[in-house]
């Protein structure tokens, strides 16, 4: 693997040295590929601007692919460039390279790339839905191919950004893209849409127990699953760049909470009252804009430093996100729209 790692570091060095002034662009792209964006950006946009079923598919594919990415990383033990080059002796003090960034210091193993895998799986329904819609309204082959081209270009850009900031090696990015597109293609038509509440309870519990069982089984066999956290802490340029939300169990907490929150949202009185109502483009656009602002605000809430409290607050936040999108905002906007319509008629 050292051959893959050394060539990957050389490629990252080429990106950093030959593309000066591109730091802000790559950091923005890596943000767009952050799995958190599935829950706070892509899910509400797809839910309101495309179709509710597409939005739910985006969310489920994000949950499933993130869980699979977590478990696969425990087995694959992928190094990350920002620590490997120091541990291996590849780094030389006289070099200006490497340059680390706040997003560089991921604490989990590196293979496959979660940004590429999870984003690729979750956005697959968006690309296919837009392709089908364009095919119904245009005969141009270029127009029909445009959504998939944008989708692939986005994954490529996300992958390059992860290499640029030394979070991943090229082969990890490629593995993430292939896994993500494969999962999207395979699971798009199989994800659950609306089920009874016990289904969501069991789904949430299954995600939690299966991950914990895998974790403790590996621990019992003597596998040290905290090795990556130690290396990230040791070689990150700044201690404040080590964040709790990059730890493996942070993603598990997000997935478990979101699966439960989606079930509670679908079975809330607010959703039941709005179910079946047709919203025009203006109310849907308002819901999309408000959801982006509100979810980002909730996501940026400062969390306590105590580990147990941190996970508790994170769980509550991500369980709330689906309720905000599915139940709260449609009811609020629907109520305002109805009152405006009634006043206009009077």
Protein backbone atom coordinates (compact mmCIF):
# COMPACT_ATOMS: atom_id res chain seq x y z
CA UNK A 1 0.00 0.00 0.00
CA UNK A 2 2.95 2.36 0.45
CA UNK A 3 3.16 2.72 -3.33
CA UNK A 4 -0.46 3.89 -3.44
CA UNK A 5 0.09 6.18 -0.48
CA UNK A 6 3.30 7.79 -1.74
CA UNK A 7 1.90 8.40 -5.23
CA UNK A 8 -1.28 9.81 -3.66
CA UNK A 9 0.71 12.26 -1.54
CA UNK A 10 2.68 13.33 -4.60
CA UNK A 11 -0.58 13.98 -6.45
CA UNK A 12 -1.87 16.04 -3.50
CA UNK A 13 1.38 18.00 -3.49
CA UNK A 14 0.95 18.71 -7.19
CA UNK A 15 -2.57 20.03 -6.56
CA UNK A 16 -1.45 22.26 -3.69
CA UNK A 17 1.61 23.68 -5.46
CA UNK A 18 0.27 24.00 -9.01
CA UNK A 19 -3.15 25.46 -8.17
CA UNK A 20 -2.33 28.51 -6.02
CA UNK A 21 -5.20 30.62 -4.79
CA UNK A 22 -7.70 27.76 -5.06
CA UNK A 23 -7.95 27.01 -1.34
CA UNK A 24 -11.34 28.68 -0.83
CA UNK A 25 -12.80 26.92 -3.85
CA UNK A 26 -11.68 23.46 -2.73
CA UNK A 27 -12.85 24.09 0.83
CA UNK A 28 -16.27 25.10 -0.49
CA UNK A 29 -16.45 21.99 -2.66
CA UNK A 30 -15.48 19.72 0.22
CA UNK A 31 -18.26 21.37 2.26
CA UNK A 32 -20.76 20.53 -0.49
CA UNK A 33 -19.66 16.90 -0.20
CA UNK A 34 -19.93 16.81 3.58
CA UNK A 35 -22.41 14.08 4.63
CA UNK A 36 -24.08 16.62 6.92
CA UNK A 37 -25.24 18.49 3.82
CA UNK A 38 -27.41 15.49 2.91
CA UNK A 39 -29.49 16.17 6.00
CA UNK A 40 -29.54 19.99 6.05
CA UNK A 41 -29.37 20.93 2.34
CA UNK A 42 -30.01 18.18 -0.22
CA UNK A 43 -32.88 16.48 1.62
CA UNK A 44 -35.05 19.62 2.06
CA UNK A 45 -34.28 20.91 -1.46
CA UNK A 46 -35.22 17.59 -3.06
CA UNK A 47 -38.29 17.23 -0.82
CA UNK A 48 -39.75 20.63 -1.68
CA UNK A 49 -38.41 21.46 -5.15
CA UNK A 50 -38.51 18.03 -6.82
CA UNK A 51 -40.84 15.57 -5.12
CA UNK A 52 -41.48 14.41 -1.57
CA UNK A 53 -40.63 10.82 -2.48
CA UNK A 54 -37.33 11.91 -4.01
CA UNK A 55 -36.48 13.83 -0.84
CA UNK A 56 -37.19 10.79 1.32
CA UNK A 57 -35.04 8.64 -0.97
CA UNK A 58 -32.19 11.13 -0.63
CA UNK A 59 -32.45 10.94 3.15
CA UNK A 60 -32.65 7.14 3.34
CA UNK A 61 -29.76 6.65 0.94
CA UNK A 62 -27.73 9.09 3.00
CA UNK A 63 -28.50 7.11 6.17
CA UNK A 64 -27.81 3.68 4.67
CA UNK A 65 -24.63 4.67 2.83
CA UNK A 66 -23.23 6.49 5.87
CA UNK A 67 -23.81 3.42 8.04
CA UNK A 68 -22.12 1.21 5.45
CA UNK A 69 -19.24 3.66 5.14
CA UNK A 70 -18.73 3.62 8.91
CA UNK A 71 -18.60 -0.17 9.13
CA UNK A 72 -16.43 -0.59 6.02
CA UNK A 73 -13.86 1.84 7.44
CA UNK A 74 -13.52 -0.32 10.55
CA UNK A 75 -12.51 -3.25 8.35
CA UNK A 76 -10.37 -1.49 5.72
CA UNK A 77 -8.07 0.52 8.05
CA UNK A 78 -7.42 3.24 5.47
CA UNK A 79 -4.67 5.73 6.32
CA UNK A 80 -5.12 9.45 5.73
CA UNK A 81 -2.45 11.56 3.98
CA UNK A 82 -2.17 14.24 6.65
CA UNK A 83 -0.87 11.71 9.19
CA UNK A 84 0.61 8.99 6.95
CA UNK A 85 3.28 11.24 5.45
CA UNK A 86 4.62 11.98 8.95
CA UNK A 87 4.34 8.45 10.29
CA UNK A 88 6.03 6.99 7.21
CA UNK A 89 8.87 9.50 7.02
CA UNK A 90 7.68 10.79 3.63
CA UNK A 91 7.63 14.37 4.95
CA UNK A 92 10.82 16.44 4.83
CA UNK A 93 11.21 19.54 6.97
CA UNK A 94 12.58 21.64 4.13
CA UNK A 95 9.38 21.15 2.11
CA UNK A 96 6.63 23.78 2.09
CA UNK A 97 4.21 20.91 1.63
CA UNK A 98 1.90 19.87 3.26
CA UNK A 99 -0.67 22.52 4.04
CA UNK A 100 -3.42 21.39 6.36
CA UNK A 101 -6.87 22.95 6.70
CA UNK A 102 -9.62 22.73 9.35
CA UNK A 103 -11.39 20.11 7.21
CA UNK A 104 -8.21 18.02 6.88
CA UNK A 105 -8.21 16.61 10.40
CA UNK A 106 -10.76 13.81 10.08
CA UNK A 107 -10.44 11.31 12.93
CA UNK A 108 -11.86 8.19 11.27
CA UNK A 109 -10.08 5.78 8.90
CA UNK A 110 -9.82 6.97 5.33
CA UNK A 111 -11.10 4.20 3.08
CA UNK A 112 -13.46 4.64 1.32
CA UNK A 113 -14.09 8.37 1.12
CA UNK A 114 -17.32 9.10 3.00
CA UNK A 115 -17.80 12.43 1.24
CA UNK A 116 -17.79 10.74 -2.17
CA UNK A 117 -19.63 7.57 -1.15
CA UNK A 118 -22.46 9.14 0.85
CA UNK A 119 -22.99 12.13 -1.42
CA UNK A 120 -22.86 9.88 -4.49
CA UNK A 121 -25.50 7.53 -3.11
CA UNK A 122 -27.81 10.25 -1.79
CA UNK A 123 -27.78 12.41 -4.94
CA UNK A 124 -28.35 9.54 -7.35
CA UNK A 125 -32.19 9.88 -7.12
CA UNK A 126 -31.88 13.61 -7.81
CA UNK A 127 -29.83 13.00 -10.96
CA UNK A 128 -32.15 10.27 -12.27
CA UNK A 129 -35.31 12.27 -11.48
CA UNK A 130 -34.01 15.34 -13.31
CA UNK A 131 -32.94 13.15 -16.24
CA UNK A 132 -36.43 11.64 -16.48
CA UNK A 133 -38.07 15.09 -16.27
CA UNK A 134 -35.84 16.55 -19.00
CA UNK A 135 -36.46 13.50 -21.19
CA UNK A 136 -40.20 14.24 -21.05
CA UNK A 137 -39.75 17.86 -22.09
CA UNK A 138 -36.79 17.80 -24.47
CA UNK A 139 -35.46 15.66 -27.29
CA UNK A 140 -31.93 16.99 -26.96
CA UNK A 141 -29.47 14.27 -25.98
CA UNK A 142 -27.17 16.89 -24.47
CA UNK A 143 -29.96 18.18 -22.22
CA UNK A 144 -30.90 14.64 -21.19
CA UNK A 145 -27.31 13.86 -20.22
CA UNK A 146 -26.79 17.12 -18.34
CA UNK A 147 -28.02 16.05 -14.84
CA UNK A 148 -25.82 12.95 -14.80
CA UNK A 149 -22.84 14.94 -16.08
CA UNK A 150 -23.27 17.53 -13.33
CA UNK A 151 -23.66 14.71 -10.79
CA UNK A 152 -20.41 13.04 -11.88
CA UNK A 153 -18.54 16.34 -12.10
CA UNK A 154 -19.63 17.18 -8.57
CA UNK A 155 -18.35 13.83 -7.27
CA UNK A 156 -15.07 14.32 -9.14
CA UNK A 157 -14.69 17.84 -7.72
CA UNK A 158 -15.48 16.60 -4.20
CA UNK A 159 -12.89 13.84 -4.63
CA UNK A 160 -10.21 16.28 -5.80
CA UNK A 161 -11.00 18.60 -2.90
CA UNK A 162 -10.52 15.75 -0.44
CA UNK A 163 -7.14 14.95 -2.00
CA UNK A 164 -6.17 18.63 -2.01
CA UNK A 165 -6.77 19.07 1.73
CA UNK A 166 -4.97 15.77 2.51
CA UNK A 167 -8.06 14.04 3.88
CA UNK A 168 -7.93 11.16 1.36
CA UNK A 169 -5.73 9.34 -1.12
CA UNK A 170 -6.87 9.08 -4.77
CA UNK A 171 -7.71 5.36 -4.54
CA UNK A 172 -9.95 6.06 -1.52
CA UNK A 173 -11.79 8.74 -3.47
CA UNK A 174 -12.26 6.40 -6.43
CA UNK A 175 -13.55 3.66 -4.13
CA UNK A 176 -16.00 6.12 -2.58
CA UNK A 177 -17.34 7.29 -5.95
CA UNK A 178 -17.82 3.74 -7.22
CA UNK A 179 -19.46 2.61 -3.98
CA UNK A 180 -21.73 5.65 -3.86
CA UNK A 181 -22.98 5.41 -7.44
CA UNK A 182 -23.40 1.66 -7.06
CA UNK A 183 -25.47 2.03 -3.90
CA UNK A 184 -27.58 4.76 -5.46
CA UNK A 185 -28.32 2.63 -8.50
CA UNK A 186 -28.99 -0.50 -6.46
CA UNK A 187 -31.09 0.95 -3.63
CA UNK A 188 -32.98 3.83 -5.24
CA UNK A 189 -36.11 1.78 -5.91
CA UNK A 190 -35.83 -0.25 -2.70
CA UNK A 191 -35.72 2.39 0.03
CA UNK A 192 -38.86 2.67 2.22
CA UNK A 193 -41.08 5.71 1.75
CA UNK A 194 -43.91 5.76 4.28
CA UNK A 195 -44.27 2.94 6.79
CA UNK A 196 -45.84 2.37 10.17
CA UNK A 197 -44.09 3.91 13.16
CA UNK A 198 -42.71 0.58 14.49
CA UNK A 199 -40.76 0.20 11.24
CA UNK A 200 -38.81 3.40 11.95
CA UNK A 201 -38.26 2.41 15.56
CA UNK A 202 -36.84 -0.96 14.50
CA UNK A 203 -34.80 0.62 11.70
CA UNK A 204 -33.25 3.11 14.11
CA UNK A 205 -32.56 0.42 16.70
CA UNK A 206 -31.13 -1.94 14.07
CA UNK A 207 -28.68 0.67 12.83
CA UNK A 208 -27.49 1.25 16.38
CA UNK A 209 -27.26 -2.36 17.56
CA UNK A 210 -25.66 -3.71 14.37
CA UNK A 211 -22.94 -1.06 14.46
CA UNK A 212 -22.30 -1.57 18.18
CA UNK A 213 -22.21 -5.35 17.73
CA UNK A 214 -19.67 -5.03 14.92
CA UNK A 215 -17.61 -2.58 16.97
CA UNK A 216 -17.44 -4.70 20.12
CA UNK A 217 -16.84 -7.88 18.13
CA UNK A 218 -13.77 -6.33 16.54
CA UNK A 219 -12.65 -5.02 19.93
CA UNK A 220 -13.01 -8.50 21.44
CA UNK A 221 -10.68 -9.85 18.74
CA UNK A 222 -8.05 -7.33 19.77
CA UNK A 223 -8.62 -4.80 16.99
CA UNK A 224 -7.83 -1.23 18.10
CA UNK A 225 -10.51 0.90 16.49
CA UNK A 226 -9.24 4.10 18.08
CA UNK A 227 -5.93 4.04 16.19
CA UNK A 228 -7.04 6.68 13.69
CA UNK A 229 -8.15 9.07 16.44
CA UNK A 230 -4.73 8.86 18.06
CA UNK A 231 -2.92 9.52 14.78
CA UNK A 232 -5.22 12.40 13.83
CA UNK A 233 -4.73 14.01 17.23
CA UNK A 234 -0.97 13.51 17.00
CA UNK A 235 -0.41 15.01 13.55
CA UNK A 236 -3.18 17.59 13.09
CA UNK A 237 -1.60 21.03 12.72
CA UNK A 238 -3.94 22.62 15.28
CA UNK A 239 -5.69 20.88 18.19
CA UNK A 240 -8.88 22.92 17.65
CA UNK A 241 -9.28 21.35 14.22
CA UNK A 242 -10.02 17.98 15.81
CA UNK A 243 -13.82 17.95 15.96
CA UNK A 244 -16.22 15.56 17.64
CA UNK A 245 -18.45 15.44 14.57
CA UNK A 246 -15.72 13.67 12.57
CA UNK A 247 -15.59 10.73 14.98
CA UNK A 248 -17.18 7.49 13.76
CA UNK A 249 -19.94 7.37 16.37
CA UNK A 250 -21.00 10.91 15.49
CA UNK A 251 -22.19 9.66 12.09
CA UNK A 252 -23.93 6.69 13.73
CA UNK A 253 -25.72 9.06 16.11
CA UNK A 254 -26.83 11.14 13.14
CA UNK A 255 -28.20 8.14 11.24
CA UNK A 256 -30.02 6.60 14.20
CA UNK A 257 -31.60 9.92 15.17
CA UNK A 258 -32.65 10.79 11.61
CA UNK A 259 -34.31 7.41 11.00
CA UNK A 260 -36.29 7.78 14.23
CA UNK A 261 -37.08 11.44 13.55
CA UNK A 262 -38.41 10.65 10.08
CA UNK A 263 -40.86 8.14 11.52
CA UNK A 264 -42.03 10.55 14.21
CA UNK A 265 -42.47 13.28 11.60
CA UNK A 266 -44.58 11.07 9.31
CA UNK A 267 -46.84 10.16 12.23
CA UNK A 268 -47.18 13.65 13.69
CA UNK A 269 -50.47 15.54 13.67
CA UNK A 270 -48.89 18.36 11.65
CA UNK A 271 -47.98 16.02 8.79
CA UNK A 272 -51.36 14.25 8.92
CA UNK A 273 -53.21 17.56 8.51
CA UNK A 274 -51.11 18.59 5.51
CA UNK A 275 -50.90 15.16 3.82
CA UNK A 276 -52.40 15.10 0.37
CA UNK A 277 -52.53 18.88 -0.06
CA UNK A 278 -50.99 20.28 -3.20
CA UNK A 279 -48.65 23.24 -2.81
CA UNK A 280 -47.78 25.63 -5.61
CA UNK A 281 -44.26 26.61 -6.56
CA UNK A 282 -44.25 29.71 -4.35
CA UNK A 283 -45.15 27.89 -1.08
CA UNK A 284 -42.74 25.08 -1.93
CA UNK A 285 -39.99 27.59 -2.64
CA UNK A 286 -40.69 29.34 0.66
CA UNK A 287 -40.52 26.01 2.50
CA UNK A 288 -37.20 25.21 0.82
CA UNK A 289 -35.66 28.57 1.72
CA UNK A 290 -36.94 28.54 5.30
CA UNK A 291 -35.79 24.94 5.80
CA UNK A 292 -32.26 25.76 4.66
CA UNK A 293 -32.05 28.66 7.08
CA UNK A 294 -33.64 26.88 10.02
CA UNK A 295 -31.71 23.61 9.63
CA UNK A 296 -28.42 25.46 9.24
CA UNK A 297 -29.25 27.48 12.36
CA UNK A 298 -30.00 24.32 14.34
CA UNK A 299 -26.91 22.59 12.95
CA UNK A 300 -24.68 25.46 14.10
CA UNK A 301 -25.96 25.43 17.67
CA UNK A 302 -22.95 25.20 19.96
CA UNK A 303 -22.82 21.81 21.65
CA UNK A 304 -21.40 20.99 25.10
CA UNK A 305 -17.87 19.65 25.40
CA UNK A 306 -18.92 16.76 27.64
CA UNK A 307 -19.01 13.68 25.41
CA UNK A 308 -22.31 12.22 26.63
CA UNK A 309 -24.05 15.60 26.46
CA UNK A 310 -22.57 16.23 23.01
CA UNK A 311 -24.07 13.01 21.65
CA UNK A 312 -27.38 13.73 23.39
CA UNK A 313 -27.70 17.20 21.86
CA UNK A 314 -26.62 15.86 18.45
CA UNK A 315 -29.26 13.12 18.62
CA UNK A 316 -32.01 15.61 19.43
CA UNK A 317 -30.93 17.93 16.62
CA UNK A 318 -30.92 15.29 13.90
CA UNK A 319 -34.16 13.75 15.13
CA UNK A 320 -35.70 17.24 14.79
CA UNK A 321 -34.52 17.91 11.24
CA UNK A 322 -37.01 15.58 9.46
CA UNK A 323 -39.86 16.96 11.58
CA UNK A 324 -38.96 20.52 10.55
CA UNK A 325 -39.00 19.58 6.85
CA UNK A 326 -41.86 17.07 6.73
CA UNK A 327 -44.26 18.48 9.33
CA UNK A 328 -43.50 21.94 10.71
CA UNK A 329 -42.74 24.14 7.70
CA UNK A 330 -45.46 22.73 5.37
CA UNK A 331 -48.04 23.32 8.10
CA UNK A 332 -46.86 26.87 8.82
CA UNK A 333 -46.63 27.85 5.15
CA UNK A 334 -49.90 26.06 4.39
CA UNK A 335 -51.69 27.95 7.17
CA UNK A 336 -50.32 31.30 5.98
CA UNK A 337 -51.27 30.52 2.38
CA UNK A 338 -54.82 29.53 3.36
CA UNK A 339 -55.34 32.72 5.34
CA UNK A 340 -54.01 34.86 2.51
CA UNK A 341 -56.33 33.08 0.07
CA UNK A 342 -59.33 33.55 2.36
CA UNK A 343 -58.56 37.25 2.85
CA UNK A 344 -58.19 37.71 -0.89
CA UNK A 345 -61.60 36.09 -1.54
CA UNK A 346 -63.26 38.28 1.08
